[in-house]
Amino acid sequence: MTTLFQRIDTVFVPTRDIKKATDWYVQVLGGTTDWSGDEGEYQCIKFGDTSITLFLTDEQTYFEPRRSAFNFYVSNAEEAHSYLKENGVRVEEVKEYGAKYFAFYDLDGNCLEVCEY
């Protein structure tokens, strides 16, 4: 077993509008801005020790419907669901299968998930 790979550094999330997406991830989800690309093509958003990196693109293939590649851990899925819904975020129903979880969507239609266990 190797010890070269120590942690996930970032998860890349496509967006059509860096400014709007940054505002949404900060204001709605509570992330904090970190580094950004010199030409405004990237914006890193921190969530504790983990980050996502928004990247600017208009390539439709990035926005084809698919499940999330990651989830946000929360201590109360029902509360997170209500909060997102109150903030106008499109959310799916809360499901339970060993853990409570649900999908929700950012401004570009990217599927994100919440998990409580």
N, C-alpha and C. Protein backbone atom coordinates (compact mmCIF):
# COMPACT_ATOMS: atom_id res chain seq x y z
N MET A 1 0.84 -1.18 0.00
CA MET A 1 0.00 0.00 0.00
C MET A 1 0.89 1.25 0.00
N THR A 2 0.52 2.23 -0.79
CA THR A 2 1.31 3.45 -0.88
C THR A 2 0.78 4.53 0.06
N THR A 3 1.64 5.39 0.48
CA THR A 3 1.23 6.54 1.29
C THR A 3 1.34 7.84 0.50
N LEU A 4 1.50 7.71 -0.80
CA LEU A 4 1.63 8.90 -1.64
C LEU A 4 0.34 9.72 -1.67
N PHE A 5 -0.81 9.08 -1.70
CA PHE A 5 -2.08 9.76 -1.84
C PHE A 5 -2.67 9.97 -0.45
N GLN A 6 -2.64 11.22 0.03
CA GLN A 6 -2.96 11.50 1.42
C GLN A 6 -4.40 11.97 1.65
N ARG A 7 -5.01 12.65 0.69
CA ARG A 7 -6.37 13.15 0.86
C ARG A 7 -6.90 13.66 -0.47
N ILE A 8 -8.18 13.89 -0.54
CA ILE A 8 -8.77 14.55 -1.70
C ILE A 8 -8.46 16.03 -1.56
N ASP A 9 -7.87 16.63 -2.55
CA ASP A 9 -7.51 18.05 -2.49
C ASP A 9 -8.70 18.92 -2.85
N THR A 10 -9.33 18.63 -3.99
CA THR A 10 -10.45 19.44 -4.44
C THR A 10 -11.32 18.60 -5.37
N VAL A 11 -12.55 19.04 -5.54
CA VAL A 11 -13.48 18.44 -6.48
C VAL A 11 -13.83 19.54 -7.46
N PHE A 12 -13.74 19.27 -8.76
CA PHE A 12 -14.02 20.28 -9.78
C PHE A 12 -15.50 20.29 -10.13
N VAL A 13 -16.07 21.49 -10.14
CA VAL A 13 -17.49 21.68 -10.43
C VAL A 13 -17.62 22.71 -11.55
N PRO A 14 -18.25 22.34 -12.68
CA PRO A 14 -18.38 23.29 -13.79
C PRO A 14 -19.41 24.37 -13.51
N THR A 15 -19.19 25.54 -14.10
CA THR A 15 -20.15 26.62 -14.02
C THR A 15 -20.09 27.46 -15.28
N ARG A 16 -21.21 28.10 -15.59
CA ARG A 16 -21.27 29.02 -16.73
C ARG A 16 -21.01 30.45 -16.29
N ASP A 17 -21.05 30.71 -14.96
CA ASP A 17 -20.87 32.06 -14.44
C ASP A 17 -20.16 31.97 -13.08
N ILE A 18 -18.86 32.24 -13.08
CA ILE A 18 -18.05 32.12 -11.86
C ILE A 18 -18.58 33.01 -10.74
N LYS A 19 -18.91 34.25 -11.04
CA LYS A 19 -19.38 35.19 -10.01
C LYS A 19 -20.65 34.69 -9.35
N LYS A 20 -21.67 34.36 -10.15
CA LYS A 20 -22.94 33.89 -9.59
C LYS A 20 -22.74 32.59 -8.80
N ALA A 21 -21.96 31.67 -9.36
CA ALA A 21 -21.72 30.39 -8.68
C ALA A 21 -20.97 30.60 -7.37
N THR A 22 -19.97 31.46 -7.38
CA THR A 22 -19.21 31.75 -6.16
C THR A 22 -20.14 32.31 -5.09
N ASP A 23 -20.93 33.30 -5.46
CA ASP A 23 -21.88 33.89 -4.51
C ASP A 23 -22.81 32.83 -3.94
N TRP A 24 -23.31 31.93 -4.79
CA TRP A 24 -24.24 30.89 -4.35
C TRP A 24 -23.58 29.94 -3.37
N TYR A 25 -22.38 29.45 -3.69
CA TYR A 25 -21.69 28.50 -2.81
C TYR A 25 -21.28 29.14 -1.48
N VAL A 26 -21.02 30.45 -1.49
CA VAL A 26 -20.67 31.15 -0.26
C VAL A 26 -21.92 31.51 0.54
N GLN A 27 -22.89 32.14 -0.10
CA GLN A 27 -24.07 32.63 0.61
C GLN A 27 -25.03 31.52 1.01
N VAL A 28 -25.27 30.56 0.13
CA VAL A 28 -26.25 29.51 0.43
C VAL A 28 -25.63 28.36 1.21
N LEU A 29 -24.43 27.91 0.81
CA LEU A 29 -23.84 26.74 1.46
C LEU A 29 -22.82 27.09 2.54
N GLY A 30 -22.41 28.35 2.63
CA GLY A 30 -21.52 28.76 3.71
C GLY A 30 -20.04 28.51 3.49
N GLY A 31 -19.63 28.29 2.25
CA GLY A 31 -18.21 28.12 1.96
C GLY A 31 -17.49 29.46 2.03
N THR A 32 -16.18 29.41 2.00
CA THR A 32 -15.38 30.63 1.98
C THR A 32 -14.48 30.60 0.76
N THR A 33 -14.28 31.77 0.17
CA THR A 33 -13.44 31.82 -1.03
C THR A 33 -11.98 31.64 -0.65
N ASP A 34 -11.26 30.99 -1.53
CA ASP A 34 -9.83 30.79 -1.37
C ASP A 34 -9.18 31.33 -2.63
N TRP A 35 -8.27 30.65 -3.22
CA TRP A 35 -7.58 31.15 -4.40
C TRP A 35 -8.50 31.19 -5.62
N SER A 36 -8.11 31.99 -6.60
CA SER A 36 -8.85 32.05 -7.86
C SER A 36 -7.87 32.13 -9.02
N GLY A 37 -8.34 31.77 -10.21
CA GLY A 37 -7.50 31.84 -11.40
C GLY A 37 -7.21 33.28 -11.78
N ASP A 38 -6.07 33.49 -12.41
CA ASP A 38 -5.65 34.84 -12.81
C ASP A 38 -6.63 35.51 -13.76
N GLU A 39 -7.30 34.71 -14.57
CA GLU A 39 -8.22 35.26 -15.56
C GLU A 39 -9.69 35.01 -15.20
N GLY A 40 -9.96 34.66 -13.96
CA GLY A 40 -11.32 34.44 -13.51
C GLY A 40 -11.95 33.15 -13.97
N GLU A 41 -11.11 32.21 -14.42
CA GLU A 41 -11.64 30.94 -14.94
C GLU A 41 -11.79 29.86 -13.86
N TYR A 42 -11.23 30.09 -12.68
CA TYR A 42 -11.31 29.16 -11.56
C TYR A 42 -11.60 29.92 -10.27
N GLN A 43 -12.33 29.28 -9.35
CA GLN A 43 -12.53 29.83 -8.02
C GLN A 43 -12.62 28.68 -7.04
N CYS A 44 -11.71 28.68 -6.08
CA CYS A 44 -11.71 27.65 -5.05
C CYS A 44 -12.60 28.10 -3.89
N ILE A 45 -13.46 27.20 -3.43
CA ILE A 45 -14.34 27.46 -2.30
C ILE A 45 -14.03 26.42 -1.23
N LYS A 46 -13.71 26.87 -0.01
CA LYS A 46 -13.35 25.97 1.08
C LYS A 46 -14.56 25.63 1.94
N PHE A 47 -14.62 24.38 2.34
CA PHE A 47 -15.59 23.87 3.31
C PHE A 47 -14.78 23.10 4.34
N GLY A 48 -14.35 23.75 5.39
CA GLY A 48 -13.47 23.11 6.36
C GLY A 48 -12.14 22.79 5.70
N ASP A 49 -11.72 21.52 5.80
CA ASP A 49 -10.44 21.11 5.20
C ASP A 49 -10.57 20.70 3.74
N THR A 50 -11.78 20.72 3.22
CA THR A 50 -12.02 20.26 1.85
C THR A 50 -12.41 21.45 0.99
N SER A 51 -12.16 21.35 -0.29
CA SER A 51 -12.53 22.44 -1.18
C SER A 51 -13.17 21.91 -2.45
N ILE A 52 -13.92 22.79 -3.09
CA ILE A 52 -14.36 22.55 -4.45
C ILE A 52 -13.75 23.65 -5.30
N THR A 53 -13.50 23.35 -6.55
CA THR A 53 -12.97 24.35 -7.47
C THR A 53 -13.96 24.52 -8.60
N LEU A 54 -14.58 25.69 -8.63
CA LEU A 54 -15.48 26.03 -9.74
C LEU A 54 -14.62 26.32 -10.95
N PHE A 55 -15.03 25.82 -12.11
CA PHE A 55 -14.30 26.17 -13.33
C PHE A 55 -15.28 26.60 -14.40
N LEU A 56 -14.90 27.64 -15.10
CA LEU A 56 -15.75 28.26 -16.11
C LEU A 56 -15.73 27.45 -17.40
N THR A 57 -16.91 27.11 -17.89
CA THR A 57 -17.01 26.39 -19.15
C THR A 57 -18.40 26.61 -19.76
N ASP A 58 -18.48 26.48 -21.06
CA ASP A 58 -19.78 26.50 -21.72
C ASP A 58 -20.01 25.19 -22.47
N GLU A 59 -19.12 24.21 -22.24
CA GLU A 59 -19.25 22.92 -22.90
C GLU A 59 -20.43 22.15 -22.32
N GLN A 60 -21.42 21.89 -23.13
CA GLN A 60 -22.66 21.25 -22.69
C GLN A 60 -22.43 19.89 -22.05
N THR A 61 -21.40 19.17 -22.46
CA THR A 61 -21.17 17.82 -21.92
C THR A 61 -20.96 17.85 -20.41
N TYR A 62 -20.45 18.95 -19.87
CA TYR A 62 -20.25 19.04 -18.42
C TYR A 62 -21.58 19.15 -17.68
N PHE A 63 -22.63 19.55 -18.36
CA PHE A 63 -23.90 19.80 -17.71
C PHE A 63 -24.95 18.73 -17.99
N GLU A 64 -24.53 17.60 -18.54
CA GLU A 64 -25.46 16.49 -18.75
C GLU A 64 -25.84 15.91 -17.39
N PRO A 65 -27.11 15.55 -17.22
CA PRO A 65 -27.56 15.05 -15.91
C PRO A 65 -26.75 13.83 -15.46
N ARG A 66 -26.35 13.86 -14.20
CA ARG A 66 -25.64 12.73 -13.58
C ARG A 66 -25.70 12.91 -12.07
N ARG A 67 -25.38 11.86 -11.38
CA ARG A 67 -25.37 11.92 -9.92
C ARG A 67 -24.11 12.65 -9.46
N SER A 68 -24.14 13.07 -8.23
CA SER A 68 -23.02 13.79 -7.65
C SER A 68 -21.81 12.88 -7.47
N ALA A 69 -20.64 13.45 -7.62
CA ALA A 69 -19.40 12.70 -7.40
C ALA A 69 -18.96 12.80 -5.94
N PHE A 70 -19.67 13.60 -5.15
CA PHE A 70 -19.32 13.78 -3.75
C PHE A 70 -20.57 14.21 -2.98
N ASN A 71 -20.46 14.23 -1.66
CA ASN A 71 -21.57 14.75 -0.86
C ASN A 71 -21.04 15.63 0.26
N PHE A 72 -21.93 16.45 0.79
CA PHE A 72 -21.63 17.27 1.95
C PHE A 72 -22.15 16.55 3.17
N TYR A 73 -21.31 16.35 4.18
CA TYR A 73 -21.77 15.77 5.42
C TYR A 73 -22.49 16.84 6.23
N VAL A 74 -23.64 16.49 6.80
CA VAL A 74 -24.38 17.36 7.71
C VAL A 74 -24.80 16.54 8.91
N SER A 75 -25.05 17.21 10.04
CA SER A 75 -25.48 16.48 11.23
C SER A 75 -27.00 16.31 11.26
N ASN A 76 -27.73 17.06 10.40
CA ASN A 76 -29.18 16.95 10.37
C ASN A 76 -29.68 17.16 8.93
N ALA A 77 -29.97 16.08 8.25
CA ALA A 77 -30.37 16.14 6.84
C ALA A 77 -31.70 16.89 6.67
N GLU A 78 -32.64 16.67 7.57
CA GLU A 78 -33.94 17.33 7.46
C GLU A 78 -33.78 18.85 7.57
N GLU A 79 -32.95 19.30 8.48
CA GLU A 79 -32.70 20.73 8.66
C GLU A 79 -32.02 21.31 7.42
N ALA A 80 -31.03 20.59 6.88
CA ALA A 80 -30.34 21.05 5.67
C ALA A 80 -31.31 21.12 4.50
N HIS A 81 -32.19 20.13 4.40
CA HIS A 81 -33.18 20.09 3.33
C HIS A 81 -34.10 21.31 3.42
N SER A 82 -34.60 21.58 4.61
CA SER A 82 -35.48 22.74 4.81
C SER A 82 -34.77 24.05 4.50
N TYR A 83 -33.54 24.16 4.96
CA TYR A 83 -32.75 25.37 4.72
C TYR A 83 -32.57 25.63 3.22
N LEU A 84 -32.16 24.60 2.50
CA LEU A 84 -31.95 24.76 1.06
C LEU A 84 -33.25 25.12 0.36
N LYS A 85 -34.31 24.43 0.71
CA LYS A 85 -35.62 24.68 0.10
C LYS A 85 -36.07 26.13 0.36
N GLU A 86 -35.89 26.61 1.59
CA GLU A 86 -36.25 27.98 1.94
C GLU A 86 -35.43 29.00 1.16
N ASN A 87 -34.25 28.60 0.71
CA ASN A 87 -33.38 29.49 -0.05
C ASN A 87 -33.53 29.31 -1.56
N GLY A 88 -34.63 28.68 -1.96
CA GLY A 88 -34.95 28.56 -3.37
C GLY A 88 -34.14 27.54 -4.14
N VAL A 89 -33.49 26.63 -3.43
CA VAL A 89 -32.67 25.61 -4.08
C VAL A 89 -33.56 24.43 -4.45
N ARG A 90 -33.37 23.91 -5.65
CA ARG A 90 -34.11 22.72 -6.08
C ARG A 90 -33.55 21.51 -5.35
N VAL A 91 -34.41 20.84 -4.58
CA VAL A 91 -33.99 19.68 -3.79
C VAL A 91 -34.88 18.48 -4.11
N GLU A 92 -34.31 17.30 -3.99
CA GLU A 92 -35.08 16.08 -4.09
C GLU A 92 -35.49 15.66 -2.68
N GLU A 93 -36.35 14.68 -2.58
CA GLU A 93 -36.81 14.23 -1.27
C GLU A 93 -35.69 13.58 -0.47
N VAL A 94 -35.81 13.66 0.85
CA VAL A 94 -34.85 13.00 1.74
C VAL A 94 -35.13 11.51 1.69
N LYS A 95 -34.08 10.72 1.51
CA LYS A 95 -34.20 9.26 1.49
C LYS A 95 -33.37 8.70 2.64
N GLU A 96 -33.67 7.46 2.99
CA GLU A 96 -32.90 6.83 4.06
C GLU A 96 -32.58 5.40 3.66
N TYR A 97 -31.30 5.09 3.69
CA TYR A 97 -30.83 3.74 3.41
C TYR A 97 -29.51 3.58 4.16
N GLY A 98 -29.60 3.32 5.45
CA GLY A 98 -28.41 3.26 6.29
C GLY A 98 -27.94 4.65 6.70
N ALA A 99 -28.28 5.64 5.93
CA ALA A 99 -27.98 7.05 6.20
C ALA A 99 -29.10 7.86 5.56
N LYS A 100 -29.28 9.07 6.03
CA LYS A 100 -30.24 9.97 5.38
C LYS A 100 -29.46 10.78 4.34
N TYR A 101 -30.06 10.95 3.18
CA TYR A 101 -29.38 11.68 2.12
C TYR A 101 -30.41 12.26 1.15
N PHE A 102 -29.97 13.26 0.41
CA PHE A 102 -30.80 13.81 -0.66
C PHE A 102 -29.92 14.55 -1.64
N ALA A 103 -30.44 14.70 -2.84
CA ALA A 103 -29.75 15.44 -3.89
C ALA A 103 -30.32 16.85 -3.97
N PHE A 104 -29.47 17.78 -4.38
CA PHE A 104 -29.90 19.14 -4.67
C PHE A 104 -29.05 19.66 -5.81
N TYR A 105 -29.43 20.81 -6.35
CA TYR A 105 -28.81 21.29 -7.59
C TYR A 105 -28.36 22.73 -7.45
N ASP A 106 -27.17 23.01 -7.97
CA ASP A 106 -26.67 24.39 -7.95
C ASP A 106 -27.27 25.17 -9.11
N LEU A 107 -26.85 26.40 -9.32
CA LEU A 107 -27.42 27.28 -10.34
C LEU A 107 -27.23 26.74 -11.75
N ASP A 108 -26.19 25.92 -11.96
CA ASP A 108 -25.92 25.36 -13.29
C ASP A 108 -26.53 23.98 -13.48
N GLY A 109 -27.28 23.49 -12.51
CA GLY A 109 -27.89 22.17 -12.61
C GLY A 109 -26.98 21.04 -12.19
N ASN A 110 -25.81 21.36 -11.61
CA ASN A 110 -24.92 20.31 -11.11
C ASN A 110 -25.59 19.62 -9.92
N CYS A 111 -25.60 18.31 -9.95
CA CYS A 111 -26.19 17.53 -8.87
C CYS A 111 -25.19 17.44 -7.71
N LEU A 112 -25.62 17.86 -6.53
CA LEU A 112 -24.85 17.78 -5.31
C LEU A 112 -25.65 16.93 -4.33
N GLU A 113 -25.02 16.41 -3.31
CA GLU A 113 -25.74 15.60 -2.34
C GLU A 113 -25.37 15.97 -0.91
N VAL A 114 -26.28 15.66 -0.01
CA VAL A 114 -26.10 15.82 1.43
C VAL A 114 -26.26 14.45 2.05
N CYS A 115 -25.46 14.19 3.09
CA CYS A 115 -25.53 12.90 3.76
C CYS A 115 -25.44 13.10 5.27
N GLU A 116 -26.30 12.40 6.01
CA GLU A 116 -26.24 12.37 7.47
C GLU A 116 -26.15 10.91 7.88
N TYR A 117 -25.19 10.58 8.72
CA TYR A 117 -25.08 9.22 9.23
C TYR A 117 -24.66 9.23 10.68
